[in-house]
Amino acid sequence: VKGATLIGDGPTALRHVRLIGNDMRMDEGIGTCGKNGQGVPVGVGQPTLLIDGLTVGGAGV
């Protein structure tokens, strides 16, 4: 799904995780996180999740 909006908040979504896939993968790119001109490299990745009650919206969804 591209251009979708997830409605809710992180702590609530985490309480509603029902299944966690065995397809953990890290993104190959490297991002940065920083403040006041200082940055540190960060990585991002996760397995597929099934989350009960998650509202997904957007055009064509």
PDB file of N, CA and C in Angstrom:
ATOM      1  N   VAL A   1       0.857  -1.175   0.000  1.00  0.00           N
ATOM      2  CA  VAL A   1       0.000   0.000   0.000  1.00  0.00           C
ATOM      3  C   VAL A   1       0.895   1.227   0.000  1.00  0.00           C
ATOM      4  N   LYS A   2       0.696   2.107  -0.945  1.00  0.00           N
ATOM      5  CA  LYS A   2       1.487   3.338  -1.010  1.00  0.00           C
ATOM      6  C   LYS A   2       0.586   4.523  -0.708  1.00  0.00           C
ATOM      7  N   GLY A   3       1.143   5.536  -0.083  1.00  0.00           N
ATOM      8  CA  GLY A   3       0.393   6.751   0.200  1.00  0.00           C
ATOM      9  C   GLY A   3      -0.684   6.570   1.253  1.00  0.00           C
ATOM     10  N   ALA A   4      -0.522   5.594   2.117  1.00  0.00           N
ATOM     11  CA  ALA A   4      -1.523   5.325   3.147  1.00  0.00           C
ATOM     12  C   ALA A   4      -1.213   6.114   4.405  1.00  0.00           C
ATOM     13  N   THR A   5      -2.237   6.337   5.198  1.00  0.00           N
ATOM     14  CA  THR A   5      -2.102   6.993   6.488  1.00  0.00           C
ATOM     15  C   THR A   5      -2.526   6.008   7.564  1.00  0.00           C
ATOM     16  N   LEU A   6      -1.690   5.833   8.576  1.00  0.00           N
ATOM     17  CA  LEU A   6      -2.036   4.992   9.716  1.00  0.00           C
ATOM     18  C   LEU A   6      -2.537   5.903  10.817  1.00  0.00           C
ATOM     19  N   ILE A   7      -3.692   5.583  11.360  1.00  0.00           N
ATOM     20  CA  ILE A   7      -4.313   6.433  12.369  1.00  0.00           C
ATOM     21  C   ILE A   7      -4.216   5.742  13.720  1.00  0.00           C
ATOM     22  N   GLY A   8      -3.623   6.417  14.699  1.00  0.00           N
ATOM     23  CA  GLY A   8      -3.489   5.858  16.034  1.00  0.00           C
ATOM     24  C   GLY A   8      -2.195   6.325  16.672  1.00  0.00           C
ATOM     25  N   ASP A   9      -1.761   5.594  17.689  1.00  0.00           N
ATOM     26  CA  ASP A   9      -0.515   5.943  18.367  1.00  0.00           C
ATOM     27  C   ASP A   9       0.284   4.676  18.643  1.00  0.00           C
ATOM     28  N   GLY A  10       1.584   4.843  18.785  1.00  0.00           N
ATOM     29  CA  GLY A  10       2.492   3.716  18.946  1.00  0.00           C
ATOM     30  C   GLY A  10       2.189   2.788  20.106  1.00  0.00           C
ATOM     31  N   PRO A  11       2.031   3.314  21.331  1.00  0.00           N
ATOM     32  CA  PRO A  11       1.772   2.419  22.463  1.00  0.00           C
ATOM     33  C   PRO A  11       0.505   1.574  22.287  1.00  0.00           C
ATOM     34  N   THR A  12      -0.552   2.168  21.738  1.00  0.00           N
ATOM     35  CA  THR A  12      -1.786   1.409  21.513  1.00  0.00           C
ATOM     36  C   THR A  12      -1.559   0.339  20.455  1.00  0.00           C
ATOM     37  N   ALA A  13      -0.874   0.693  19.369  1.00  0.00           N
ATOM     38  CA  ALA A  13      -0.592  -0.286  18.320  1.00  0.00           C
ATOM     39  C   ALA A  13       0.215  -1.456  18.881  1.00  0.00           C
ATOM     40  N   LEU A  14       1.217  -1.179  19.703  1.00  0.00           N
ATOM     41  CA  LEU A  14       2.035  -2.250  20.273  1.00  0.00           C
ATOM     42  C   LEU A  14       1.222  -3.176  21.168  1.00  0.00           C
ATOM     43  N   ARG A  15       0.229  -2.644  21.856  1.00  0.00           N
ATOM     44  CA  ARG A  15      -0.626  -3.492  22.695  1.00  0.00           C
ATOM     45  C   ARG A  15      -1.517  -4.411  21.864  1.00  0.00           C
ATOM     46  N   HIS A  16      -1.721  -4.074  20.579  1.00  0.00           N
ATOM     47  CA  HIS A  16      -2.609  -4.849  19.720  1.00  0.00           C
ATOM     48  C   HIS A  16      -1.878  -5.724  18.701  1.00  0.00           C
ATOM     49  N   VAL A  17      -0.561  -5.890  18.843  1.00  0.00           N
ATOM     50  CA  VAL A  17       0.181  -6.785  17.953  1.00  0.00           C
ATOM     51  C   VAL A  17      -0.262  -8.217  18.234  1.00  0.00           C
ATOM     52  N   ARG A  18      -0.704  -8.923  17.181  1.00  0.00           N
ATOM     53  CA  ARG A  18      -1.170 -10.300  17.348  1.00  0.00           C
ATOM     54  C   ARG A  18      -0.188 -11.323  16.790  1.00  0.00           C
ATOM     55  N   LEU A  19       0.490 -10.977  15.708  1.00  0.00           N
ATOM     56  CA  LEU A  19       1.457 -11.891  15.100  1.00  0.00           C
ATOM     57  C   LEU A  19       2.698 -11.112  14.688  1.00  0.00           C
ATOM     58  N   ILE A  20       3.849 -11.762  14.799  1.00  0.00           N
ATOM     59  CA  ILE A  20       5.118 -11.184  14.358  1.00  0.00           C
ATOM     60  C   ILE A  20       5.740 -12.160  13.371  1.00  0.00           C
ATOM     61  N   GLY A  21       6.027 -11.681  12.161  1.00  0.00           N
ATOM     62  CA  GLY A  21       6.590 -12.530  11.116  1.00  0.00           C
ATOM     63  C   GLY A  21       8.041 -12.898  11.395  1.00  0.00           C
ATOM     64  N   ASN A  22       8.526 -13.892  10.663  1.00  0.00           N
ATOM     65  CA  ASN A  22       9.925 -14.302  10.805  1.00  0.00           C
ATOM     66  C   ASN A  22      10.763 -13.731   9.659  1.00  0.00           C
ATOM     67  N   ASP A  23      10.362 -12.563   9.156  1.00  0.00           N
ATOM     68  CA  ASP A  23      11.020 -11.950   8.004  1.00  0.00           C
ATOM     69  C   ASP A  23      11.746 -10.652   8.372  1.00  0.00           C
ATOM     70  N   MET A  24      12.336 -10.621   9.559  1.00  0.00           N
ATOM     71  CA  MET A  24      13.059  -9.428  10.010  1.00  0.00           C
ATOM     72  C   MET A  24      14.078  -9.005   8.969  1.00  0.00           C
ATOM     73  N   ARG A  25      14.073  -7.724   8.640  1.00  0.00           N
ATOM     74  CA  ARG A  25      14.995  -7.201   7.641  1.00  0.00           C
ATOM     75  C   ARG A  25      15.308  -5.756   7.973  1.00  0.00           C
ATOM     76  N   MET A  26      16.567  -5.406   7.864  1.00  0.00           N
ATOM     77  CA  MET A  26      16.996  -4.022   8.049  1.00  0.00           C
ATOM     78  C   MET A  26      17.054  -3.348   6.685  1.00  0.00           C
ATOM     79  N   ASP A  27      16.648  -2.084   6.620  1.00  0.00           N
ATOM     80  CA  ASP A  27      16.754  -1.308   5.394  1.00  0.00           C
ATOM     81  C   ASP A  27      18.232  -1.133   5.062  1.00  0.00           C
ATOM     82  N   GLU A  28      18.575  -1.215   3.783  1.00  0.00           N
ATOM     83  CA  GLU A  28      19.985  -1.124   3.391  1.00  0.00           C
ATOM     84  C   GLU A  28      20.530   0.296   3.464  1.00  0.00           C
ATOM     85  N   GLY A  29      19.670   1.280   3.439  1.00  0.00           N
ATOM     86  CA  GLY A  29      20.124   2.661   3.518  1.00  0.00           C
ATOM     87  C   GLY A  29      20.457   3.054   4.947  1.00  0.00           C
ATOM     88  N   ILE A  30      21.178   4.123   5.072  1.00  0.00           N
ATOM     89  CA  ILE A  30      21.512   4.640   6.398  1.00  0.00           C
ATOM     90  C   ILE A  30      20.922   6.031   6.512  1.00  0.00           C
ATOM     91  N   GLY A  31      20.208   6.270   7.571  1.00  0.00           N
ATOM     92  CA  GLY A  31      19.674   7.593   7.838  1.00  0.00           C
ATOM     93  C   GLY A  31      20.454   8.239   8.962  1.00  0.00           C
ATOM     94  N   THR A  32      20.061   9.433   9.294  1.00  0.00           N
ATOM     95  CA  THR A  32      20.674  10.106  10.431  1.00  0.00           C
ATOM     96  C   THR A  32      19.586  10.684  11.314  1.00  0.00           C
ATOM     97  N   CYS A  33      19.905  10.794  12.555  1.00  0.00           N
ATOM     98  CA  CYS A  33      19.031  11.416  13.535  1.00  0.00           C
ATOM     99  C   CYS A  33      19.886  12.443  14.255  1.00  0.00           C
ATOM    100  N   GLY A  34      19.353  13.633  14.425  1.00  0.00           N
ATOM    101  CA  GLY A  34      20.202  14.632  15.052  1.00  0.00           C
ATOM    102  C   GLY A  34      19.447  15.822  15.589  1.00  0.00           C
ATOM    103  N   LYS A  35      20.214  16.704  16.190  1.00  0.00           N
ATOM    104  CA  LYS A  35      19.676  17.911  16.799  1.00  0.00           C
ATOM    105  C   LYS A  35      20.787  18.952  16.839  1.00  0.00           C
ATOM    106  N   ASN A  36      20.434  20.183  16.566  1.00  0.00           N
ATOM    107  CA  ASN A  36      21.393  21.295  16.620  1.00  0.00           C
ATOM    108  C   ASN A  36      22.649  21.047  15.784  1.00  0.00           C
ATOM    109  N   GLY A  37      22.458  20.516  14.588  1.00  0.00           N
ATOM    110  CA  GLY A  37      23.586  20.300  13.695  1.00  0.00           C
ATOM    111  C   GLY A  37      24.413  19.066  13.977  1.00  0.00           C
ATOM    112  N   GLN A  38      24.085  18.317  15.008  1.00  0.00           N
ATOM    113  CA  GLN A  38      24.810  17.089  15.325  1.00  0.00           C
ATOM    114  C   GLN A  38      23.968  15.909  14.872  1.00  0.00           C
ATOM    115  N   GLY A  39      24.596  14.926  14.271  1.00  0.00           N
ATOM    116  CA  GLY A  39      23.862  13.768  13.792  1.00  0.00           C
ATOM    117  C   GLY A  39      24.579  12.473  14.105  1.00  0.00           C
ATOM    118  N   VAL A  40      23.807  11.424  14.200  1.00  0.00           N
ATOM    119  CA  VAL A  40      24.357  10.080  14.375  1.00  0.00           C
ATOM    120  C   VAL A  40      23.683   9.169  13.352  1.00  0.00           C
ATOM    121  N   PRO A  41      24.423   8.191  12.815  1.00  0.00           N
ATOM    122  CA  PRO A  41      23.809   7.268  11.866  1.00  0.00           C
ATOM    123  C   PRO A  41      22.817   6.349  12.576  1.00  0.00           C
ATOM    124  N   VAL A  42      21.719   6.066  11.910  1.00  0.00           N
ATOM    125  CA  VAL A  42      20.707   5.166  12.461  1.00  0.00           C
ATOM    126  C   VAL A  42      20.279   4.180  11.381  1.00  0.00           C
ATOM    127  N   GLY A  43      19.812   3.040  11.804  1.00  0.00           N
ATOM    128  CA  GLY A  43      19.250   2.044  10.907  1.00  0.00           C
ATOM    129  C   GLY A  43      17.790   1.827  11.261  1.00  0.00           C
ATOM    130  N   VAL A  44      17.060   1.258  10.333  1.00  0.00           N
ATOM    131  CA  VAL A  44      15.647   1.007  10.588  1.00  0.00           C
ATOM    132  C   VAL A  44      15.254  -0.317   9.937  1.00  0.00           C
ATOM    133  N   GLY A  45      14.413  -1.045  10.628  1.00  0.00           N
ATOM    134  CA  GLY A  45      13.914  -2.304  10.096  1.00  0.00           C
ATOM    135  C   GLY A  45      12.989  -2.962  11.096  1.00  0.00           C
ATOM    136  N   GLN A  46      12.205  -3.905  10.608  1.00  0.00           N
ATOM    137  CA  GLN A  46      11.308  -4.659  11.479  1.00  0.00           C
ATOM    138  C   GLN A  46      10.721  -5.811  10.691  1.00  0.00           C
ATOM    139  N   PRO A  47      10.194  -6.813  11.388  1.00  0.00           N
ATOM    140  CA  PRO A  47       9.477  -7.879  10.696  1.00  0.00           C
ATOM    141  C   PRO A  47       8.054  -7.415  10.361  1.00  0.00           C
ATOM    142  N   THR A  48       7.369  -8.192   9.546  1.00  0.00           N
ATOM    143  CA  THR A  48       5.961  -7.947   9.266  1.00  0.00           C
ATOM    144  C   THR A  48       5.168  -8.138  10.552  1.00  0.00           C
ATOM    145  N   LEU A  49       4.213  -7.251  10.800  1.00  0.00           N
ATOM    146  CA  LEU A  49       3.371  -7.326  11.994  1.00  0.00           C
ATOM    147  C   LEU A  49       1.905  -7.411  11.606  1.00  0.00           C
ATOM    148  N   LEU A  50       1.117  -8.156  12.368  1.00  0.00           N
ATOM    149  CA  LEU A  50      -0.336  -8.133  12.261  1.00  0.00           C
ATOM    150  C   LEU A  50      -0.840  -7.396  13.489  1.00  0.00           C
ATOM    151  N   ILE A  51      -1.498  -6.264  13.267  1.00  0.00           N
ATOM    152  CA  ILE A  51      -1.982  -5.423  14.359  1.00  0.00           C
ATOM    153  C   ILE A  51      -3.493  -5.344  14.265  1.00  0.00           C
ATOM    154  N   ASP A  52      -4.190  -5.825  15.282  1.00  0.00           N
ATOM    155  CA  ASP A  52      -5.649  -5.772  15.312  1.00  0.00           C
ATOM    156  C   ASP A  52      -6.143  -4.344  15.465  1.00  0.00           C
ATOM    157  N   GLY A  53      -7.177  -3.980  14.721  1.00  0.00           N
ATOM    158  CA  GLY A  53      -7.853  -2.705  14.906  1.00  0.00           C
ATOM    159  C   GLY A  53      -7.109  -1.494  14.392  1.00  0.00           C
ATOM    160  N   LEU A  54      -6.069  -1.677  13.583  1.00  0.00           N
ATOM    161  CA  LEU A  54      -5.321  -0.542  13.047  1.00  0.00           C
ATOM    162  C   LEU A  54      -6.116   0.078  11.902  1.00  0.00           C
ATOM    163  N   THR A  55      -6.345   1.376  11.951  1.00  0.00           N
ATOM    164  CA  THR A  55      -7.076   2.075  10.896  1.00  0.00           C
ATOM    165  C   THR A  55      -6.092   2.556   9.842  1.00  0.00           C
ATOM    166  N   VAL A  56      -6.335   2.137   8.594  1.00  0.00           N
ATOM    167  CA  VAL A  56      -5.495   2.533   7.463  1.00  0.00           C
ATOM    168  C   VAL A  56      -6.370   3.305   6.497  1.00  0.00           C
ATOM    169  N   GLY A  57      -5.895   4.476   6.066  1.00  0.00           N
ATOM    170  CA  GLY A  57      -6.677   5.279   5.133  1.00  0.00           C
ATOM    171  C   GLY A  57      -5.799   5.895   4.075  1.00  0.00           C
ATOM    172  N   GLY A  58      -6.443   6.452   3.069  1.00  0.00           N
ATOM    173  CA  GLY A  58      -5.728   7.107   1.977  1.00  0.00           C
ATOM    174  C   GLY A  58      -6.480   6.921   0.682  1.00  0.00           C
ATOM    175  N   ALA A  59      -6.063   7.610  -0.343  1.00  0.00           N
ATOM    176  CA  ALA A  59      -6.726   7.520  -1.638  1.00  0.00           C
ATOM    177  C   ALA A  59      -6.531   6.134  -2.238  1.00  0.00           C
ATOM    178  N   GLY A  60      -7.606   5.529  -2.704  1.00  0.00           N
ATOM    179  CA  GLY A  60      -7.524   4.233  -3.361  1.00  0.00           C
ATOM    180  C   GLY A  60      -7.316   3.052  -2.444  1.00  0.00           C
ATOM    181  N   VAL A  61      -7.490   3.234  -1.149  1.00  0.00           N
ATOM    182  CA  VAL A  61      -7.293   2.130  -0.203  1.00  0.00           C
ATOM    183  C   VAL A  61      -8.623   1.475   0.073  1.00  0.00           C
TER     184      VAL A  61
END
